[in-house]
Each structure stands twice: as C-alpha cells, then as structure tokens.
Amino acid sequence: MRDYEVVYIFDSALPENRIQEKLDRFHGALTGNGGAAEVTAVDLWGKRQLTYPIRKKTAGFYVVAQFRAEPEALPEFERLLKLDEELLRYLLVVSEGEPTAPVSPARREPRREDEEGDEPGEEE
C-alpha cells in the first residue's frame, strides 16, 4: 500500500453538506468493494479565490485528503472524480511526508512585483 494525497477544488456555490456527501462517495469508492484502502485525514480548507477562472468560476472550495491504497484502486477513483461536474479540479499525488498545510495570506512569500526595487520606471 502507498500513501496518497488528493486536493479537491469544488464549485464554491455548493453547500458544505453536499461537498461532504461527494467526499463520502469518492472515499467510499476507495474503501468499498472489499478495498483495503483507508482514508487517514480530511482537511476542509474552505472557500478561496482562484488564481485564474476554471469553468468560468473565480472561487472554489478546497479540500485536502490523505489516504492509503493499492495503486490498482486509483483508476476507478479517478474515473469518479472526472465524471463529477461540480468538482472543478483535483490533484492526486503520492504523499512523501507530512500532510500539506494551508498557507495563510500573511505567511505567503511576496510576489516578485511586490518586492522593493522591481517597479518599472523606478531608478536609484
């Protein structure tokens, strides 16, 4: 068995109880049917602004989950994710350590254009 981490971005218009139902269905596909998979953590990050529009949406509801599963369980799991119209995007990766923690806007690194001296036309 391997450790995996998946980040889901749901349509921000969905109520939280619908998101939970979808998560139960997705994770049920991993653990059901005699599967030996186990969901180890689910972290709801909440609504966040998207960097660029996805399917004409500018905000999404982020959820991060960690689970252990056999690689053979992933194709059916990913098929379910691809068929869901209210799931804007997902990223499934092999986990290599501590769970991903959300980054608050105050802790983010400054953007390049925000750094001193990078403004066009500014000379010393």
Protein backbone atom coordinates (compact mmCIF):
# COMPACT_ATOMS: atom_id res chain seq x y z
CA MET A 1 0.00 0.00 0.00
CA ARG A 2 1.11 3.54 -0.70
CA ASP A 3 0.23 6.90 0.85
CA TYR A 4 -1.56 9.40 -1.39
CA GLU A 5 -2.75 12.97 -1.05
CA VAL A 6 -5.55 14.49 -3.10
CA VAL A 7 -6.56 18.14 -3.34
CA TYR A 8 -10.13 18.77 -4.48
CA ILE A 9 -11.48 22.13 -5.70
CA PHE A 10 -15.27 22.13 -5.66
CA ASP A 11 -17.65 24.75 -7.03
CA SER A 12 -17.91 27.40 -4.30
CA ALA A 13 -21.70 27.58 -4.78
CA LEU A 14 -22.08 24.08 -3.31
CA PRO A 15 -23.26 23.92 0.31
CA GLU A 16 -20.84 22.22 2.68
CA ASN A 17 -23.19 19.26 3.29
CA ARG A 18 -23.20 18.46 -0.48
CA ILE A 19 -19.40 18.63 -0.51
CA GLN A 20 -19.32 16.19 2.41
CA GLU A 21 -21.69 13.83 0.53
CA LYS A 22 -19.39 13.92 -2.50
CA LEU A 23 -16.33 13.25 -0.35
CA ASP A 24 -18.13 10.28 1.25
CA ARG A 25 -18.94 8.91 -2.21
CA PHE A 26 -15.38 9.40 -3.52
CA HIS A 27 -13.77 7.89 -0.44
CA GLY A 28 -16.37 5.11 -0.35
CA ALA A 29 -15.19 4.07 -3.81
CA LEU A 30 -11.70 3.63 -2.37
CA THR A 31 -12.69 1.76 0.79
CA GLY A 32 -15.73 -0.11 -0.58
CA ASN A 33 -15.90 -3.21 -2.75
CA GLY A 34 -13.54 -5.10 -0.48
CA GLY A 35 -10.83 -2.49 -1.00
CA ALA A 36 -8.11 -2.32 1.60
CA ALA A 37 -7.82 1.46 1.28
CA GLU A 38 -8.12 3.71 4.31
CA VAL A 39 -8.71 7.47 4.45
CA THR A 40 -6.29 8.81 7.08
CA ALA A 41 -7.12 12.54 7.08
CA VAL A 42 -9.53 15.05 5.55
CA ASP A 43 -8.95 18.79 5.92
CA LEU A 44 -11.52 21.33 4.72
CA TRP A 45 -9.63 24.49 3.71
CA GLY A 46 -12.81 26.35 2.80
CA LYS A 47 -13.59 28.88 0.08
CA ARG A 48 -10.64 30.53 -1.63
CA GLN A 49 -10.17 32.80 -4.60
CA LEU A 50 -8.84 31.01 -7.69
CA THR A 51 -5.75 32.42 -9.40
CA TYR A 52 -7.48 32.09 -12.76
CA PRO A 53 -11.06 31.15 -13.72
CA ILE A 54 -11.89 27.46 -14.05
CA ARG A 55 -15.11 26.80 -15.98
CA LYS A 56 -16.00 30.49 -15.52
CA LYS A 57 -15.74 30.20 -11.70
CA THR A 58 -13.46 32.56 -9.77
CA ALA A 59 -13.68 30.88 -6.34
CA GLY A 60 -13.55 27.30 -5.17
CA PHE A 61 -13.97 25.23 -2.01
CA TYR A 62 -10.71 23.44 -1.25
CA VAL A 63 -10.43 20.06 0.49
CA VAL A 64 -7.24 18.05 1.09
CA ALA A 65 -7.37 14.34 1.95
CA GLN A 66 -4.74 11.73 2.69
CA PHE A 67 -5.31 8.01 2.22
CA ARG A 68 -3.52 4.68 1.88
CA ALA A 69 -4.44 2.46 -1.03
CA GLU A 70 -3.16 -0.04 -3.53
CA PRO A 71 -2.35 1.51 -6.91
CA GLU A 72 -4.97 -0.76 -8.53
CA ALA A 73 -7.74 1.17 -6.71
CA LEU A 74 -6.86 4.51 -8.32
CA PRO A 75 -8.27 4.19 -11.87
CA GLU A 76 -11.87 3.75 -10.63
CA PHE A 77 -11.38 6.54 -8.07
CA GLU A 78 -10.07 8.94 -10.73
CA ARG A 79 -12.89 7.98 -13.10
CA LEU A 80 -15.41 9.05 -10.44
CA LEU A 81 -13.59 12.35 -9.97
CA LYS A 82 -13.51 13.09 -13.70
CA LEU A 83 -17.24 12.44 -14.08
CA ASP A 84 -18.29 14.84 -11.32
CA GLU A 85 -19.46 18.14 -12.85
CA GLU A 86 -19.20 20.10 -9.57
CA LEU A 87 -15.58 19.17 -8.97
CA LEU A 88 -13.66 21.92 -10.76
CA ARG A 89 -10.20 20.40 -10.41
CA TYR A 90 -8.30 17.76 -8.47
CA LEU A 91 -4.68 16.77 -7.99
CA LEU A 92 -3.70 13.30 -6.84
CA VAL A 93 -0.09 12.71 -5.79
CA VAL A 94 1.95 10.14 -3.91
CA SER A 95 2.44 11.53 -0.41
CA GLU A 96 6.02 11.76 0.78
CA GLY A 97 5.78 13.04 4.33
CA GLU A 98 3.75 15.40 6.45
CA PRO A 99 0.28 16.45 5.26
CA THR A 100 0.06 19.69 3.33
CA ALA A 101 -0.90 22.68 5.49
CA PRO A 102 -2.82 25.66 4.11
CA VAL A 103 -0.79 28.83 3.66
CA SER A 104 -2.42 31.93 5.08
CA PRO A 105 -2.10 35.12 3.01
CA ALA A 106 0.06 36.68 5.75
CA ARG A 107 2.65 33.85 5.54
CA ARG A 108 3.00 33.77 1.76
CA GLU A 109 6.21 34.87 0.14
CA PRO A 110 5.93 38.30 -1.50
CA ARG A 111 5.31 38.24 -5.21
CA ARG A 112 8.08 39.39 -7.44
CA GLU A 113 6.32 42.62 -8.41
CA ASP A 114 5.70 43.36 -4.71
CA GLU A 115 9.39 43.30 -3.82
CA GLU A 116 11.26 46.56 -3.44
CA GLY A 117 13.01 47.92 -6.48
CA ASP A 118 11.13 45.81 -9.03
CA GLU A 119 8.68 48.51 -10.06
CA PRO A 120 9.14 49.65 -13.68
CA GLY A 121 10.42 53.17 -14.09
CA GLU A 122 11.87 53.29 -10.59
CA GLU A 123 15.57 54.10 -10.61
CA GLU A 124 18.04 54.69 -7.84
